[in-house]
Amino acid sequence: MGAVYLTHSNVIIDYFNGRLNHRGRLYLESVEPEISVISQIEILSGKSASAAEIDLLKQFVSIAKVYEVNSIIADKTVYLRLNYNIKLADALIAATAL
């Protein structure tokens, strides 16, 4: 089995807004997406997104493997927050990736 990568919400947003570079677009279109539940929350709660954009994002989430937060991820998040200057949402996503 090859490497698996967790996709950050900023990458997903840039993809759907047409701001992701060509290589990034090709990569995202070639893998089954894997995201943190935090990314799910972030991409679906964009206040400037239209109803049509939210529908597209919901379709994306429906095909993605979504990782929930558990006690192991919570412990890693605490470690990251104590040792690095990372915002909570980003620490949760990073801990999920680890």
C-alpha atoms as a PDB file:
ATOM      1  CA  MET A   1       0.000   0.000   0.000  1.00  0.00           C
ATOM      2  CA  GLY A   2       1.315   3.465  -0.906  1.00  0.00           C
ATOM      3  CA  ALA A   3       1.538   6.549   1.223  1.00  0.00           C
ATOM      4  CA  VAL A   4      -1.701   8.121   2.383  1.00  0.00           C
ATOM      5  CA  TYR A   5      -1.993  11.874   2.809  1.00  0.00           C
ATOM      6  CA  LEU A   6      -4.479  13.858   4.822  1.00  0.00           C
ATOM      7  CA  THR A   7      -5.716  16.840   2.826  1.00  0.00           C
ATOM      8  CA  HIS A   8      -5.831  20.150   4.711  1.00  0.00           C
ATOM      9  CA  SER A   9      -8.955  22.293   4.441  1.00  0.00           C
ATOM     10  CA  ASN A  10      -6.999  25.170   2.833  1.00  0.00           C
ATOM     11  CA  VAL A  11      -6.009  22.867  -0.042  1.00  0.00           C
ATOM     12  CA  ILE A  12      -9.621  21.793  -0.529  1.00  0.00           C
ATOM     13  CA  ILE A  13     -10.847  25.384  -0.495  1.00  0.00           C
ATOM     14  CA  ASP A  14      -8.133  26.446  -2.978  1.00  0.00           C
ATOM     15  CA  TYR A  15      -9.059  23.509  -5.224  1.00  0.00           C
ATOM     16  CA  PHE A  16     -12.733  24.461  -5.322  1.00  0.00           C
ATOM     17  CA  ASN A  17     -11.913  28.157  -5.801  1.00  0.00           C
ATOM     18  CA  GLY A  18      -9.586  27.371  -8.727  1.00  0.00           C
ATOM     19  CA  ARG A  19      -6.509  28.676  -6.883  1.00  0.00           C
ATOM     20  CA  LEU A  20      -4.668  25.373  -6.479  1.00  0.00           C
ATOM     21  CA  ASN A  21      -1.730  24.924  -8.868  1.00  0.00           C
ATOM     22  CA  HIS A  22      -1.852  22.389 -11.671  1.00  0.00           C
ATOM     23  CA  ARG A  23       0.190  19.701  -9.888  1.00  0.00           C
ATOM     24  CA  GLY A  24      -1.971  20.016  -6.781  1.00  0.00           C
ATOM     25  CA  ARG A  25      -5.137  19.698  -8.853  1.00  0.00           C
ATOM     26  CA  LEU A  26      -3.808  16.611 -10.629  1.00  0.00           C
ATOM     27  CA  TYR A  27      -2.873  15.020  -7.319  1.00  0.00           C
ATOM     28  CA  LEU A  28      -6.251  15.671  -5.676  1.00  0.00           C
ATOM     29  CA  GLU A  29      -8.055  14.333  -8.717  1.00  0.00           C
ATOM     30  CA  SER A  30      -6.015  11.114  -8.627  1.00  0.00           C
ATOM     31  CA  VAL A  31      -6.574  10.023  -5.006  1.00  0.00           C
ATOM     32  CA  GLU A  32      -9.463   9.160  -2.771  1.00  0.00           C
ATOM     33  CA  PRO A  33      -9.602  12.100  -0.373  1.00  0.00           C
ATOM     34  CA  GLU A  34      -8.838  11.652   3.314  1.00  0.00           C
ATOM     35  CA  ILE A  35      -9.632  14.513   5.680  1.00  0.00           C
ATOM     36  CA  SER A  36      -9.960  15.338   9.342  1.00  0.00           C
ATOM     37  CA  VAL A  37     -13.423  16.006  10.738  1.00  0.00           C
ATOM     38  CA  ILE A  38     -11.955  19.446  11.536  1.00  0.00           C
ATOM     39  CA  SER A  39     -11.417  20.051   7.811  1.00  0.00           C
ATOM     40  CA  GLN A  40     -14.983  18.924   7.182  1.00  0.00           C
ATOM     41  CA  ILE A  41     -16.222  21.521   9.650  1.00  0.00           C
ATOM     42  CA  GLU A  42     -13.992  24.249   8.215  1.00  0.00           C
ATOM     43  CA  ILE A  43     -14.931  23.730   4.569  1.00  0.00           C
ATOM     44  CA  LEU A  44     -18.663  23.424   5.230  1.00  0.00           C
ATOM     45  CA  SER A  45     -18.871  26.505   7.449  1.00  0.00           C
ATOM     46  CA  GLY A  46     -17.505  29.063   4.989  1.00  0.00           C
ATOM     47  CA  LYS A  47     -19.756  32.080   5.312  1.00  0.00           C
ATOM     48  CA  SER A  48     -18.997  33.364   1.818  1.00  0.00           C
ATOM     49  CA  ALA A  49     -19.825  30.068   0.083  1.00  0.00           C
ATOM     50  CA  SER A  50     -22.957  29.932  -2.030  1.00  0.00           C
ATOM     51  CA  ALA A  51     -25.539  27.162  -1.665  1.00  0.00           C
ATOM     52  CA  ALA A  52     -24.200  25.557  -4.873  1.00  0.00           C
ATOM     53  CA  GLU A  53     -20.639  25.661  -3.516  1.00  0.00           C
ATOM     54  CA  ILE A  54     -21.740  24.098  -0.229  1.00  0.00           C
ATOM     55  CA  ASP A  55     -23.489  21.328  -2.197  1.00  0.00           C
ATOM     56  CA  LEU A  56     -20.234  20.598  -4.081  1.00  0.00           C
ATOM     57  CA  LEU A  57     -18.286  20.561  -0.826  1.00  0.00           C
ATOM     58  CA  LYS A  58     -20.843  18.199   0.743  1.00  0.00           C
ATOM     59  CA  GLN A  59     -20.414  15.862  -2.244  1.00  0.00           C
ATOM     60  CA  PHE A  60     -16.647  16.003  -1.699  1.00  0.00           C
ATOM     61  CA  VAL A  61     -17.033  15.153   2.000  1.00  0.00           C
ATOM     62  CA  SER A  62     -19.405  12.279   1.151  1.00  0.00           C
ATOM     63  CA  ILE A  63     -16.677  10.536  -0.877  1.00  0.00           C
ATOM     64  CA  ALA A  64     -13.838  11.380   1.530  1.00  0.00           C
ATOM     65  CA  LYS A  65     -12.613   9.189   4.337  1.00  0.00           C
ATOM     66  CA  VAL A  66     -13.203  11.409   7.379  1.00  0.00           C
ATOM     67  CA  TYR A  67     -11.089  10.812  10.478  1.00  0.00           C
ATOM     68  CA  GLU A  68     -12.832  11.571  13.756  1.00  0.00           C
ATOM     69  CA  VAL A  69     -11.033  12.940  16.821  1.00  0.00           C
ATOM     70  CA  ASN A  70     -10.233  10.272  19.397  1.00  0.00           C
ATOM     71  CA  SER A  71      -8.168  10.197  22.579  1.00  0.00           C
ATOM     72  CA  ILE A  72      -4.929   9.421  20.714  1.00  0.00           C
ATOM     73  CA  ILE A  73      -5.435  12.412  18.412  1.00  0.00           C
ATOM     74  CA  ALA A  74      -6.395  14.558  21.411  1.00  0.00           C
ATOM     75  CA  ASP A  75      -3.146  13.615  23.204  1.00  0.00           C
ATOM     76  CA  LYS A  76      -1.073  14.406  20.105  1.00  0.00           C
ATOM     77  CA  THR A  77      -2.917  17.717  19.755  1.00  0.00           C
ATOM     78  CA  VAL A  78      -2.024  18.646  23.328  1.00  0.00           C
ATOM     79  CA  TYR A  79       1.623  17.796  22.648  1.00  0.00           C
ATOM     80  CA  LEU A  80       1.659  19.930  19.477  1.00  0.00           C
ATOM     81  CA  ARG A  81      -0.031  22.872  21.204  1.00  0.00           C
ATOM     82  CA  LEU A  82       2.397  22.731  24.156  1.00  0.00           C
ATOM     83  CA  ASN A  83       5.519  22.439  22.003  1.00  0.00           C
ATOM     84  CA  TYR A  84       4.703  24.521  18.930  1.00  0.00           C
ATOM     85  CA  ASN A  85       2.827  27.717  18.238  1.00  0.00           C
ATOM     86  CA  ILE A  86      -0.099  26.090  16.404  1.00  0.00           C
ATOM     87  CA  LYS A  87      -3.755  27.098  16.363  1.00  0.00           C
ATOM     88  CA  LEU A  88      -6.143  24.492  17.736  1.00  0.00           C
ATOM     89  CA  ALA A  89      -7.754  23.518  14.417  1.00  0.00           C
ATOM     90  CA  ASP A  90      -4.383  23.147  12.696  1.00  0.00           C
ATOM     91  CA  ALA A  91      -2.994  21.166  15.660  1.00  0.00           C
ATOM     92  CA  LEU A  92      -5.978  18.789  15.458  1.00  0.00           C
ATOM     93  CA  ILE A  93      -5.460  18.298  11.716  1.00  0.00           C
ATOM     94  CA  ALA A  94      -1.705  17.777  12.193  1.00  0.00           C
ATOM     95  CA  ALA A  95      -2.296  15.308  15.033  1.00  0.00           C
ATOM     96  CA  THR A  96      -4.732  13.390  12.830  1.00  0.00           C
ATOM     97  CA  ALA A  97      -2.138  13.248  10.062  1.00  0.00           C
ATOM     98  CA  LEU A  98       0.492  11.964  12.484  1.00  0.00           C
END
